[in-house]
């Protein structure tokens, strides 16, 4: 796994493979790449929120994971509830 999308795209542009890239990189893709939507089931992304032990009762901190879940379901309506 590579955290730098340009590093993931470089071997593809050189003809040495394929890569899954997030839609956010589409406007900045490299010359020599062709972007295609997956034909089968779309890839999933899991987002986790880490809270300090004992802070679960803080209403502000409790709102963050709840909002992450709402935002995720807004872009992927078929995702399971958190």
N, C-alpha and C. Protein backbone atom coordinates (compact mmCIF):
# COMPACT_ATOMS: atom_id res chain seq x y z
N UNK A 1 0.84 -1.18 0.00
CA UNK A 1 0.00 0.00 0.00
C UNK A 1 0.89 1.24 0.00
N UNK A 2 0.52 2.20 -0.81
CA UNK A 2 1.27 3.44 -0.92
C UNK A 2 0.34 4.59 -0.56
N UNK A 3 0.80 5.53 0.25
CA UNK A 3 -0.01 6.68 0.63
C UNK A 3 0.12 7.85 -0.34
N UNK A 4 1.01 7.74 -1.30
CA UNK A 4 1.24 8.80 -2.28
C UNK A 4 0.66 8.33 -3.61
N UNK A 5 -0.42 8.97 -4.07
CA UNK A 5 -1.11 8.50 -5.28
C UNK A 5 -0.24 8.66 -6.52
N UNK A 6 0.64 9.64 -6.52
CA UNK A 6 1.54 9.79 -7.66
C UNK A 6 2.49 8.60 -7.73
N UNK A 7 2.94 8.12 -6.57
CA UNK A 7 3.82 6.94 -6.54
C UNK A 7 3.07 5.70 -7.01
N UNK A 8 1.78 5.60 -6.71
CA UNK A 8 0.98 4.47 -7.18
C UNK A 8 0.78 4.54 -8.70
N UNK A 9 0.64 5.75 -9.21
CA UNK A 9 0.35 5.92 -10.63
C UNK A 9 1.59 5.78 -11.51
N UNK A 10 2.77 6.02 -10.96
CA UNK A 10 4.00 5.98 -11.76
C UNK A 10 4.24 4.64 -12.46
N UNK A 11 4.13 3.48 -11.76
CA UNK A 11 4.33 2.22 -12.47
C UNK A 11 3.26 1.97 -13.53
N UNK A 12 2.06 2.46 -13.29
CA UNK A 12 0.99 2.30 -14.28
C UNK A 12 1.33 3.10 -15.53
N UNK A 13 1.75 4.34 -15.34
CA UNK A 13 2.10 5.19 -16.49
C UNK A 13 3.28 4.60 -17.27
N UNK A 14 4.13 3.84 -16.57
CA UNK A 14 5.28 3.22 -17.23
C UNK A 14 4.92 1.88 -17.88
N UNK A 15 3.65 1.46 -17.75
CA UNK A 15 3.21 0.22 -18.36
C UNK A 15 3.50 -1.01 -17.52
N UNK A 16 3.72 -0.83 -16.22
CA UNK A 16 4.10 -1.95 -15.37
C UNK A 16 3.00 -2.39 -14.41
N UNK A 17 1.74 -2.03 -14.64
CA UNK A 17 0.70 -2.51 -13.73
C UNK A 17 -0.57 -1.70 -13.79
N UNK A 18 -1.42 -1.98 -12.83
CA UNK A 18 -2.68 -1.26 -12.65
C UNK A 18 -2.74 -0.81 -11.19
N UNK A 19 -3.59 0.17 -10.90
CA UNK A 19 -3.74 0.65 -9.53
C UNK A 19 -5.16 1.12 -9.31
N UNK A 20 -5.63 0.99 -8.09
CA UNK A 20 -6.90 1.59 -7.68
C UNK A 20 -6.59 2.95 -7.09
N UNK A 21 -7.18 3.99 -7.65
CA UNK A 21 -6.95 5.36 -7.20
C UNK A 21 -8.27 5.98 -6.81
N UNK A 22 -8.30 6.84 -5.79
CA UNK A 22 -9.55 7.50 -5.43
C UNK A 22 -9.97 8.50 -6.49
N UNK A 23 -11.26 8.74 -6.57
CA UNK A 23 -11.80 9.68 -7.54
C UNK A 23 -11.22 11.08 -7.38
N UNK A 24 -10.78 11.41 -6.16
CA UNK A 24 -10.22 12.74 -5.90
C UNK A 24 -8.97 13.03 -6.72
N UNK A 25 -8.25 12.02 -7.18
CA UNK A 25 -7.03 12.27 -7.96
C UNK A 25 -7.33 12.46 -9.44
N UNK A 26 -8.55 12.24 -9.86
CA UNK A 26 -8.89 12.30 -11.28
C UNK A 26 -8.47 13.61 -11.95
N UNK A 27 -8.74 14.77 -11.37
CA UNK A 27 -8.33 16.00 -12.07
C UNK A 27 -6.82 16.16 -12.18
N UNK A 28 -6.04 15.43 -11.36
CA UNK A 28 -4.59 15.60 -11.36
C UNK A 28 -3.87 14.38 -11.90
N UNK A 29 -4.55 13.54 -12.68
CA UNK A 29 -3.89 12.32 -13.12
C UNK A 29 -2.76 12.62 -14.10
N UNK A 30 -1.85 11.68 -14.20
CA UNK A 30 -0.65 11.85 -15.01
C UNK A 30 -0.92 11.60 -16.49
N UNK A 31 -0.17 12.22 -17.36
CA UNK A 31 -0.24 11.88 -18.78
C UNK A 31 0.17 10.41 -18.94
N UNK A 32 -0.49 9.71 -19.84
CA UNK A 32 -0.18 8.31 -20.06
C UNK A 32 -1.09 7.37 -19.28
N UNK A 33 -1.94 7.91 -18.41
CA UNK A 33 -2.88 7.09 -17.66
C UNK A 33 -4.27 7.20 -18.27
N UNK A 34 -5.00 6.12 -18.22
CA UNK A 34 -6.41 6.11 -18.61
C UNK A 34 -7.18 5.70 -17.37
N UNK A 35 -8.13 6.52 -16.95
CA UNK A 35 -8.91 6.22 -15.76
C UNK A 35 -10.20 5.52 -16.18
N UNK A 36 -10.50 4.41 -15.51
CA UNK A 36 -11.70 3.62 -15.78
C UNK A 36 -12.42 3.34 -14.48
N UNK A 37 -13.75 3.41 -14.51
CA UNK A 37 -14.56 3.00 -13.36
C UNK A 37 -14.52 1.49 -13.26
N UNK A 38 -14.47 0.93 -12.05
CA UNK A 38 -14.55 -0.53 -11.91
C UNK A 38 -15.89 -1.02 -12.44
N UNK A 39 -15.88 -2.13 -13.16
CA UNK A 39 -17.12 -2.68 -13.72
C UNK A 39 -17.91 -3.47 -12.68
N UNK A 40 -17.21 -4.15 -11.82
CA UNK A 40 -17.87 -4.98 -10.81
C UNK A 40 -18.22 -4.12 -9.60
N UNK A 41 -18.40 -4.76 -8.49
CA UNK A 41 -18.72 -4.06 -7.24
C UNK A 41 -17.65 -3.02 -6.93
N UNK A 42 -18.08 -1.84 -6.55
CA UNK A 42 -17.14 -0.75 -6.27
C UNK A 42 -16.33 -1.05 -5.02
N UNK A 43 -15.06 -0.64 -4.98
CA UNK A 43 -14.24 -0.84 -3.78
C UNK A 43 -14.83 -0.07 -2.59
N UNK A 44 -14.56 -0.56 -1.40
CA UNK A 44 -15.06 0.08 -0.18
C UNK A 44 -13.90 0.69 0.59
N UNK A 45 -14.20 1.66 1.37
CA UNK A 45 -13.21 2.29 2.25
C UNK A 45 -13.80 2.33 3.65
N UNK A 46 -13.00 1.95 4.62
CA UNK A 46 -13.43 1.96 6.01
C UNK A 46 -12.71 3.08 6.74
N UNK A 47 -13.47 3.89 7.48
CA UNK A 47 -12.91 5.00 8.23
C UNK A 47 -13.18 4.74 9.70
N UNK A 48 -12.17 4.90 10.53
CA UNK A 48 -12.29 4.68 11.97
C UNK A 48 -11.94 5.96 12.70
N UNK A 49 -12.59 6.17 13.83
CA UNK A 49 -12.26 7.30 14.70
C UNK A 49 -11.72 6.73 16.00
N UNK A 50 -10.60 7.22 16.45
CA UNK A 50 -10.00 6.79 17.72
C UNK A 50 -10.26 7.87 18.77
N UNK A 51 -10.80 7.44 19.90
CA UNK A 51 -11.06 8.36 21.01
C UNK A 51 -10.26 7.90 22.22
N UNK A 52 -9.84 8.84 23.03
CA UNK A 52 -9.11 8.51 24.25
C UNK A 52 -10.03 7.73 25.19
N UNK A 53 -9.53 6.68 25.80
CA UNK A 53 -10.30 5.89 26.75
C UNK A 53 -10.84 6.80 27.85
N UNK A 54 -12.10 6.66 28.16
CA UNK A 54 -12.74 7.47 29.18
C UNK A 54 -13.41 8.72 28.66
N UNK A 55 -13.21 9.03 27.38
CA UNK A 55 -13.81 10.25 26.83
C UNK A 55 -15.10 9.96 26.06
N UNK A 56 -15.57 8.71 26.11
CA UNK A 56 -16.76 8.34 25.33
C UNK A 56 -18.00 9.13 25.71
N UNK A 57 -18.07 9.63 26.95
CA UNK A 57 -19.24 10.38 27.38
C UNK A 57 -19.25 11.84 26.96
N UNK A 58 -18.17 12.33 26.40
CA UNK A 58 -18.09 13.73 25.97
C UNK A 58 -18.98 13.90 24.73
N UNK A 59 -20.01 14.76 24.79
CA UNK A 59 -20.93 14.89 23.66
C UNK A 59 -20.28 15.42 22.39
N UNK A 60 -19.29 16.27 22.53
CA UNK A 60 -18.60 16.79 21.34
C UNK A 60 -17.82 15.67 20.66
N UNK A 61 -17.07 14.89 21.45
CA UNK A 61 -16.31 13.80 20.86
C UNK A 61 -17.21 12.70 20.33
N UNK A 62 -18.34 12.47 20.95
CA UNK A 62 -19.29 11.45 20.46
C UNK A 62 -19.89 11.88 19.13
N UNK A 63 -19.99 13.17 18.88
CA UNK A 63 -20.59 13.66 17.64
C UNK A 63 -19.70 13.39 16.43
N UNK A 64 -18.39 13.33 16.62
CA UNK A 64 -17.47 13.16 15.49
C UNK A 64 -17.68 11.81 14.80
N UNK A 65 -17.63 10.67 15.51
CA UNK A 65 -17.86 9.39 14.82
C UNK A 65 -19.26 9.31 14.21
N UNK A 66 -20.25 9.88 14.90
CA UNK A 66 -21.62 9.86 14.35
C UNK A 66 -21.68 10.64 13.03
N UNK A 67 -21.02 11.79 12.99
CA UNK A 67 -21.03 12.59 11.75
C UNK A 67 -20.24 11.91 10.64
N UNK A 68 -19.13 11.25 10.99
CA UNK A 68 -18.40 10.48 9.98
C UNK A 68 -19.29 9.42 9.36
N UNK A 69 -20.07 8.74 10.20
CA UNK A 69 -21.00 7.72 9.70
C UNK A 69 -22.05 8.33 8.79
N UNK A 70 -22.63 9.45 9.18
CA UNK A 70 -23.64 10.11 8.33
C UNK A 70 -23.03 10.54 6.99
N UNK A 71 -21.84 11.11 7.03
CA UNK A 71 -21.19 11.56 5.80
C UNK A 71 -20.89 10.38 4.89
N UNK A 72 -20.43 9.28 5.46
CA UNK A 72 -20.14 8.10 4.67
C UNK A 72 -21.38 7.53 4.01
N UNK A 73 -22.49 7.48 4.75
CA UNK A 73 -23.73 6.96 4.17
C UNK A 73 -24.27 7.89 3.09
N UNK A 74 -23.97 9.20 3.20
CA UNK A 74 -24.44 10.15 2.18
C UNK A 74 -23.77 9.89 0.84
N UNK A 75 -22.50 9.49 0.85
CA UNK A 75 -21.80 9.24 -0.41
C UNK A 75 -21.92 7.79 -0.84
N UNK A 76 -22.29 6.90 0.08
CA UNK A 76 -22.45 5.48 -0.23
C UNK A 76 -23.68 4.97 0.51
N UNK A 77 -24.89 5.25 -0.04
CA UNK A 77 -26.14 4.96 0.66
C UNK A 77 -26.31 3.49 1.08
N UNK A 78 -25.64 2.55 0.43
CA UNK A 78 -25.80 1.14 0.78
C UNK A 78 -24.94 0.69 1.93
N UNK A 79 -24.15 1.59 2.53
CA UNK A 79 -23.23 1.18 3.60
C UNK A 79 -24.00 0.90 4.88
N UNK A 80 -23.50 -0.02 5.71
CA UNK A 80 -24.21 -0.35 6.95
C UNK A 80 -24.12 0.77 7.95
N UNK A 81 -25.12 0.90 8.84
CA UNK A 81 -25.06 1.95 9.86
C UNK A 81 -23.97 1.68 10.86
N UNK A 82 -23.42 2.74 11.47
CA UNK A 82 -22.36 2.56 12.47
C UNK A 82 -22.95 2.35 13.83
